[in-house]
Amino acid sequence: MSNPLTPVENQFYAYNAHDLAAFSANFSEDFIAYRMPSLEPSIVGKMQLEAFYRTQRFNQAELRAELISRSVLGNKVFDYERIYGLSAEPIESVAIFEVVESLIVTAWFFYK
């Protein structure tokens, strides 16, 4: 089994660098994201992921994430983060990443 931390760490650093190519390299072609509590996916596929981050995130100059804590359970990585640059106040978030064969295949995002 590959280390599930590797793609999660890599995408985190690329997120803060606003490096779309390095960021998306850590996600599977069949990636699915959920913004909880919705049961419907918010992003389906790597192409949609790239389009969203190109137009809704990496175009925000002040965007950055601060890692508060990280835990691993099997192939799941749990990040508690504080996100800056999307609103006047930081947004607290928990992201759960499921990693299979060294790529993130599913993510669940919880926001305060």
N, C-alpha and C. Protein backbone atom coordinates (compact mmCIF):
# COMPACT_ATOMS: atom_id res chain seq x y z
N MET A 1 0.85 -1.19 0.00
CA MET A 1 0.00 0.00 0.00
C MET A 1 0.89 1.25 0.00
N SER A 2 0.57 2.20 -0.85
CA SER A 2 1.34 3.43 -0.92
C SER A 2 0.99 4.32 0.27
N ASN A 3 1.83 5.29 0.53
CA ASN A 3 1.61 6.20 1.64
C ASN A 3 0.54 7.22 1.25
N PRO A 4 -0.61 7.23 1.94
CA PRO A 4 -1.68 8.16 1.57
C PRO A 4 -1.31 9.63 1.84
N LEU A 5 -0.31 9.86 2.66
CA LEU A 5 0.09 11.24 2.95
C LEU A 5 0.70 11.96 1.75
N THR A 6 1.41 11.21 0.91
CA THR A 6 2.16 11.85 -0.17
C THR A 6 1.29 12.71 -1.08
N PRO A 7 0.22 12.19 -1.70
CA PRO A 7 -0.56 13.07 -2.57
C PRO A 7 -1.29 14.18 -1.82
N VAL A 8 -1.66 13.94 -0.58
CA VAL A 8 -2.34 14.97 0.21
C VAL A 8 -1.37 16.11 0.54
N GLU A 9 -0.17 15.77 0.96
CA GLU A 9 0.84 16.80 1.21
C GLU A 9 1.16 17.57 -0.07
N ASN A 10 1.33 16.84 -1.17
CA ASN A 10 1.68 17.49 -2.43
C ASN A 10 0.59 18.44 -2.90
N GLN A 11 -0.67 18.03 -2.79
CA GLN A 11 -1.75 18.92 -3.23
C GLN A 11 -1.86 20.14 -2.32
N PHE A 12 -1.56 19.97 -1.04
CA PHE A 12 -1.61 21.08 -0.09
C PHE A 12 -0.57 22.15 -0.46
N TYR A 13 0.65 21.72 -0.72
CA TYR A 13 1.70 22.68 -1.09
C TYR A 13 1.39 23.35 -2.43
N ALA A 14 0.88 22.59 -3.39
CA ALA A 14 0.53 23.15 -4.70
C ALA A 14 -0.65 24.12 -4.58
N TYR A 15 -1.60 23.82 -3.70
CA TYR A 15 -2.73 24.72 -3.44
C TYR A 15 -2.21 26.08 -3.00
N ASN A 16 -1.31 26.08 -2.03
CA ASN A 16 -0.78 27.34 -1.53
C ASN A 16 0.10 28.06 -2.55
N ALA A 17 0.66 27.34 -3.48
CA ALA A 17 1.47 27.94 -4.55
C ALA A 17 0.62 28.35 -5.75
N HIS A 18 -0.68 28.00 -5.72
CA HIS A 18 -1.59 28.24 -6.84
C HIS A 18 -1.07 27.60 -8.13
N ASP A 19 -0.48 26.43 -7.99
CA ASP A 19 0.11 25.70 -9.12
C ASP A 19 -0.88 24.61 -9.54
N LEU A 20 -1.70 24.93 -10.53
CA LEU A 20 -2.78 24.03 -10.94
C LEU A 20 -2.26 22.69 -11.44
N ALA A 21 -1.20 22.68 -12.23
CA ALA A 21 -0.67 21.41 -12.77
C ALA A 21 -0.17 20.51 -11.64
N ALA A 22 0.61 21.08 -10.72
CA ALA A 22 1.11 20.28 -9.59
C ALA A 22 -0.02 19.84 -8.69
N PHE A 23 -1.02 20.70 -8.50
CA PHE A 23 -2.17 20.38 -7.66
C PHE A 23 -2.95 19.21 -8.25
N SER A 24 -3.36 19.32 -9.50
CA SER A 24 -4.22 18.31 -10.11
C SER A 24 -3.51 16.99 -10.36
N ALA A 25 -2.18 16.99 -10.37
CA ALA A 25 -1.42 15.74 -10.57
C ALA A 25 -1.66 14.74 -9.45
N ASN A 26 -2.21 15.18 -8.34
CA ASN A 26 -2.44 14.31 -7.18
C ASN A 26 -3.82 13.69 -7.14
N PHE A 27 -4.64 13.96 -8.14
CA PHE A 27 -6.02 13.49 -8.17
C PHE A 27 -6.24 12.50 -9.32
N SER A 28 -7.09 11.52 -9.07
CA SER A 28 -7.40 10.54 -10.12
C SER A 28 -8.30 11.18 -11.17
N GLU A 29 -8.32 10.59 -12.34
CA GLU A 29 -9.20 11.06 -13.42
C GLU A 29 -10.67 10.99 -13.00
N ASP A 30 -11.00 10.03 -12.13
CA ASP A 30 -12.38 9.81 -11.69
C ASP A 30 -12.68 10.46 -10.34
N PHE A 31 -11.90 11.46 -9.96
CA PHE A 31 -12.06 12.12 -8.67
C PHE A 31 -13.49 12.62 -8.46
N ILE A 32 -13.96 12.51 -7.21
CA ILE A 32 -15.28 13.02 -6.81
C ILE A 32 -15.11 13.79 -5.51
N ALA A 33 -15.72 14.99 -5.43
CA ALA A 33 -15.70 15.80 -4.22
C ALA A 33 -17.12 16.04 -3.74
N TYR A 34 -17.27 16.09 -2.42
CA TYR A 34 -18.55 16.37 -1.78
C TYR A 34 -18.37 17.54 -0.82
N ARG A 35 -19.30 18.47 -0.85
CA ARG A 35 -19.38 19.54 0.16
C ARG A 35 -20.50 19.15 1.10
N MET A 36 -20.12 18.69 2.24
CA MET A 36 -21.09 18.17 3.19
C MET A 36 -21.92 19.30 3.78
N PRO A 37 -23.21 19.06 4.04
CA PRO A 37 -23.87 17.77 4.17
C PRO A 37 -24.52 17.25 2.89
N SER A 38 -24.26 17.88 1.75
CA SER A 38 -24.86 17.42 0.50
C SER A 38 -24.41 16.01 0.15
N LEU A 39 -25.34 15.21 -0.31
CA LEU A 39 -25.02 13.86 -0.76
C LEU A 39 -24.71 13.83 -2.25
N GLU A 40 -24.93 14.97 -2.92
CA GLU A 40 -24.62 15.08 -4.34
C GLU A 40 -23.20 15.60 -4.52
N PRO A 41 -22.43 15.03 -5.42
CA PRO A 41 -21.06 15.51 -5.64
C PRO A 41 -21.04 16.97 -6.09
N SER A 42 -20.05 17.71 -5.62
CA SER A 42 -19.86 19.09 -6.07
C SER A 42 -18.89 19.14 -7.25
N ILE A 43 -18.02 18.15 -7.36
CA ILE A 43 -17.08 18.04 -8.46
C ILE A 43 -17.01 16.58 -8.86
N VAL A 44 -17.10 16.34 -10.16
CA VAL A 44 -16.98 14.97 -10.69
C VAL A 44 -15.95 15.00 -11.81
N GLY A 45 -14.84 14.32 -11.60
CA GLY A 45 -13.80 14.20 -12.62
C GLY A 45 -12.70 15.24 -12.47
N LYS A 46 -11.55 14.86 -12.93
CA LYS A 46 -10.36 15.72 -12.84
C LYS A 46 -10.52 16.99 -13.69
N MET A 47 -11.18 16.87 -14.83
CA MET A 47 -11.37 18.05 -15.68
C MET A 47 -12.21 19.11 -14.97
N GLN A 48 -13.26 18.68 -14.28
CA GLN A 48 -14.10 19.62 -13.55
C GLN A 48 -13.34 20.21 -12.36
N LEU A 49 -12.52 19.39 -11.70
CA LEU A 49 -11.67 19.86 -10.61
C LEU A 49 -10.76 20.98 -11.10
N GLU A 50 -10.08 20.75 -12.22
CA GLU A 50 -9.17 21.75 -12.76
C GLU A 50 -9.90 23.03 -13.14
N ALA A 51 -11.05 22.92 -13.76
CA ALA A 51 -11.83 24.11 -14.15
C ALA A 51 -12.25 24.90 -12.92
N PHE A 52 -12.71 24.22 -11.89
CA PHE A 52 -13.14 24.90 -10.66
C PHE A 52 -11.97 25.64 -10.01
N TYR A 53 -10.86 24.98 -9.83
CA TYR A 53 -9.73 25.62 -9.16
C TYR A 53 -9.12 26.72 -10.02
N ARG A 54 -9.17 26.60 -11.33
CA ARG A 54 -8.66 27.65 -12.21
C ARG A 54 -9.52 28.91 -12.09
N THR A 55 -10.86 28.75 -12.05
CA THR A 55 -11.76 29.90 -12.10
C THR A 55 -12.30 30.35 -10.75
N GLN A 56 -12.26 29.49 -9.74
CA GLN A 56 -12.89 29.82 -8.46
C GLN A 56 -11.93 29.88 -7.27
N ARG A 57 -10.70 29.43 -7.42
CA ARG A 57 -9.77 29.40 -6.30
C ARG A 57 -8.42 30.04 -6.63
N PHE A 58 -7.72 29.51 -7.61
CA PHE A 58 -6.36 29.98 -7.86
C PHE A 58 -6.32 31.36 -8.50
N ASN A 59 -7.47 31.90 -8.85
CA ASN A 59 -7.54 33.28 -9.34
C ASN A 59 -7.71 34.27 -8.18
N GLN A 60 -7.79 33.76 -6.95
CA GLN A 60 -7.89 34.59 -5.74
C GLN A 60 -6.48 34.79 -5.17
N ALA A 61 -5.92 35.97 -5.34
CA ALA A 61 -4.53 36.23 -4.98
C ALA A 61 -4.22 35.95 -3.51
N GLU A 62 -5.16 36.17 -2.63
CA GLU A 62 -4.93 36.01 -1.19
C GLU A 62 -5.20 34.58 -0.70
N LEU A 63 -5.59 33.70 -1.59
CA LEU A 63 -5.93 32.33 -1.20
C LEU A 63 -4.73 31.59 -0.62
N ARG A 64 -4.95 31.00 0.56
CA ARG A 64 -3.95 30.12 1.15
C ARG A 64 -4.61 29.31 2.24
N ALA A 65 -4.03 28.17 2.53
CA ALA A 65 -4.53 27.29 3.57
C ALA A 65 -3.48 27.13 4.65
N GLU A 66 -3.94 27.12 5.88
CA GLU A 66 -3.07 26.86 7.03
C GLU A 66 -3.49 25.51 7.61
N LEU A 67 -2.56 24.60 7.71
CA LEU A 67 -2.85 23.28 8.27
C LEU A 67 -2.81 23.36 9.79
N ILE A 68 -3.94 23.03 10.41
CA ILE A 68 -4.05 23.04 11.87
C ILE A 68 -3.67 21.66 12.42
N SER A 69 -4.20 20.62 11.80
CA SER A 69 -3.84 19.25 12.21
C SER A 69 -4.10 18.29 11.06
N ARG A 70 -3.44 17.14 11.13
CA ARG A 70 -3.59 16.11 10.10
C ARG A 70 -3.54 14.76 10.79
N SER A 71 -4.46 13.88 10.40
CA SER A 71 -4.50 12.51 10.93
C SER A 71 -4.67 11.55 9.76
N VAL A 72 -4.19 10.33 9.95
CA VAL A 72 -4.31 9.29 8.93
C VAL A 72 -4.98 8.07 9.55
N LEU A 73 -5.93 7.53 8.83
CA LEU A 73 -6.58 6.28 9.22
C LEU A 73 -6.69 5.43 7.96
N GLY A 74 -5.85 4.42 7.85
CA GLY A 74 -5.83 3.59 6.64
C GLY A 74 -5.48 4.42 5.43
N ASN A 75 -6.35 4.41 4.42
CA ASN A 75 -6.10 5.18 3.20
C ASN A 75 -6.82 6.54 3.21
N LYS A 76 -7.25 6.99 4.39
CA LYS A 76 -7.93 8.28 4.52
C LYS A 76 -7.05 9.25 5.31
N VAL A 77 -6.99 10.49 4.81
CA VAL A 77 -6.24 11.55 5.48
C VAL A 77 -7.23 12.64 5.86
N PHE A 78 -7.18 13.06 7.13
CA PHE A 78 -8.09 14.06 7.68
C PHE A 78 -7.29 15.33 7.95
N ASP A 79 -7.62 16.40 7.23
CA ASP A 79 -6.95 17.68 7.42
C ASP A 79 -7.93 18.68 8.04
N TYR A 80 -7.50 19.31 9.13
CA TYR A 80 -8.23 20.43 9.69
C TYR A 80 -7.46 21.66 9.26
N GLU A 81 -8.13 22.54 8.52
CA GLU A 81 -7.46 23.68 7.91
C GLU A 81 -8.19 24.98 8.18
N ARG A 82 -7.46 26.05 8.05
CA ARG A 82 -8.03 27.39 8.06
C ARG A 82 -7.71 27.98 6.68
N ILE A 83 -8.76 28.39 5.97
CA ILE A 83 -8.62 28.89 4.60
C ILE A 83 -8.75 30.41 4.60
N TYR A 84 -7.78 31.07 4.00
CA TYR A 84 -7.77 32.53 3.90
C TYR A 84 -7.96 32.95 2.44
N GLY A 85 -8.59 34.11 2.25
CA GLY A 85 -8.68 34.70 0.93
C GLY A 85 -9.98 34.47 0.20
N LEU A 86 -10.91 33.72 0.79
CA LEU A 86 -12.21 33.51 0.15
C LEU A 86 -13.30 34.39 0.76
N SER A 87 -13.04 34.92 1.95
CA SER A 87 -13.98 35.81 2.62
C SER A 87 -13.18 36.71 3.55
N ALA A 88 -13.86 37.68 4.16
CA ALA A 88 -13.18 38.61 5.04
C ALA A 88 -12.54 37.90 6.23
N GLU A 89 -13.19 36.88 6.73
CA GLU A 89 -12.68 36.10 7.85
C GLU A 89 -12.23 34.73 7.35
N PRO A 90 -11.24 34.12 8.01
CA PRO A 90 -10.83 32.77 7.61
C PRO A 90 -11.98 31.77 7.75
N ILE A 91 -11.96 30.76 6.91
CA ILE A 91 -12.96 29.69 6.93
C ILE A 91 -12.31 28.46 7.53
N GLU A 92 -12.96 27.86 8.52
CA GLU A 92 -12.45 26.62 9.09
C GLU A 92 -13.04 25.46 8.31
N SER A 93 -12.19 24.48 8.03
CA SER A 93 -12.59 23.37 7.17
C SER A 93 -11.94 22.07 7.64
N VAL A 94 -12.68 21.00 7.47
CA VAL A 94 -12.11 19.66 7.61
C VAL A 94 -12.26 19.00 6.24
N ALA A 95 -11.16 18.50 5.73
CA ALA A 95 -11.17 17.78 4.46
C ALA A 95 -10.75 16.34 4.73
N ILE A 96 -11.50 15.42 4.19
CA ILE A 96 -11.15 14.01 4.29
C ILE A 96 -10.82 13.55 2.88
N PHE A 97 -9.61 13.05 2.70
CA PHE A 97 -9.14 12.59 1.40
C PHE A 97 -9.00 11.08 1.41
N GLU A 98 -9.59 10.42 0.43
CA GLU A 98 -9.42 8.98 0.24
C GLU A 98 -8.39 8.78 -0.86
N VAL A 99 -7.35 8.01 -0.55
CA VAL A 99 -6.24 7.82 -1.48
C VAL A 99 -6.19 6.35 -1.92
N VAL A 100 -6.14 6.13 -3.24
CA VAL A 100 -6.02 4.80 -3.81
C VAL A 100 -4.94 4.85 -4.87
N GLU A 101 -3.98 3.94 -4.78
CA GLU A 101 -2.88 3.86 -5.73
C GLU A 101 -2.21 5.22 -5.94
N SER A 102 -1.91 5.89 -4.81
CA SER A 102 -1.15 7.14 -4.77
C SER A 102 -1.87 8.35 -5.36
N LEU A 103 -3.19 8.25 -5.56
CA LEU A 103 -3.97 9.39 -6.06
C LEU A 103 -5.19 9.60 -5.18
N ILE A 104 -5.60 10.85 -5.04
CA ILE A 104 -6.81 11.17 -4.30
C ILE A 104 -8.00 10.85 -5.20
N VAL A 105 -8.88 9.95 -4.71
CA VAL A 105 -10.04 9.54 -5.51
C VAL A 105 -11.33 10.18 -5.03
N THR A 106 -11.40 10.51 -3.74
CA THR A 106 -12.60 11.12 -3.18
C THR A 106 -12.19 12.10 -2.10
N ALA A 107 -12.95 13.20 -2.00
CA ALA A 107 -12.73 14.15 -0.90
C ALA A 107 -14.09 14.61 -0.39
N TRP A 108 -14.16 14.73 0.93
CA TRP A 108 -15.34 15.26 1.60
C TRP A 108 -14.91 16.52 2.32
N PHE A 109 -15.62 17.63 2.10
CA PHE A 109 -15.27 18.90 2.72
C PHE A 109 -16.38 19.35 3.66
N PHE A 110 -15.99 19.66 4.87
CA PHE A 110 -16.90 20.17 5.89
C PHE A 110 -16.45 21.58 6.25
N TYR A 111 -17.38 22.54 6.29
CA TYR A 111 -17.04 23.93 6.58
C TYR A 111 -17.83 24.41 7.80
N LYS A 112 -17.18 25.29 8.55
CA LYS A 112 -17.84 25.90 9.71
C LYS A 112 -18.53 27.16 9.27
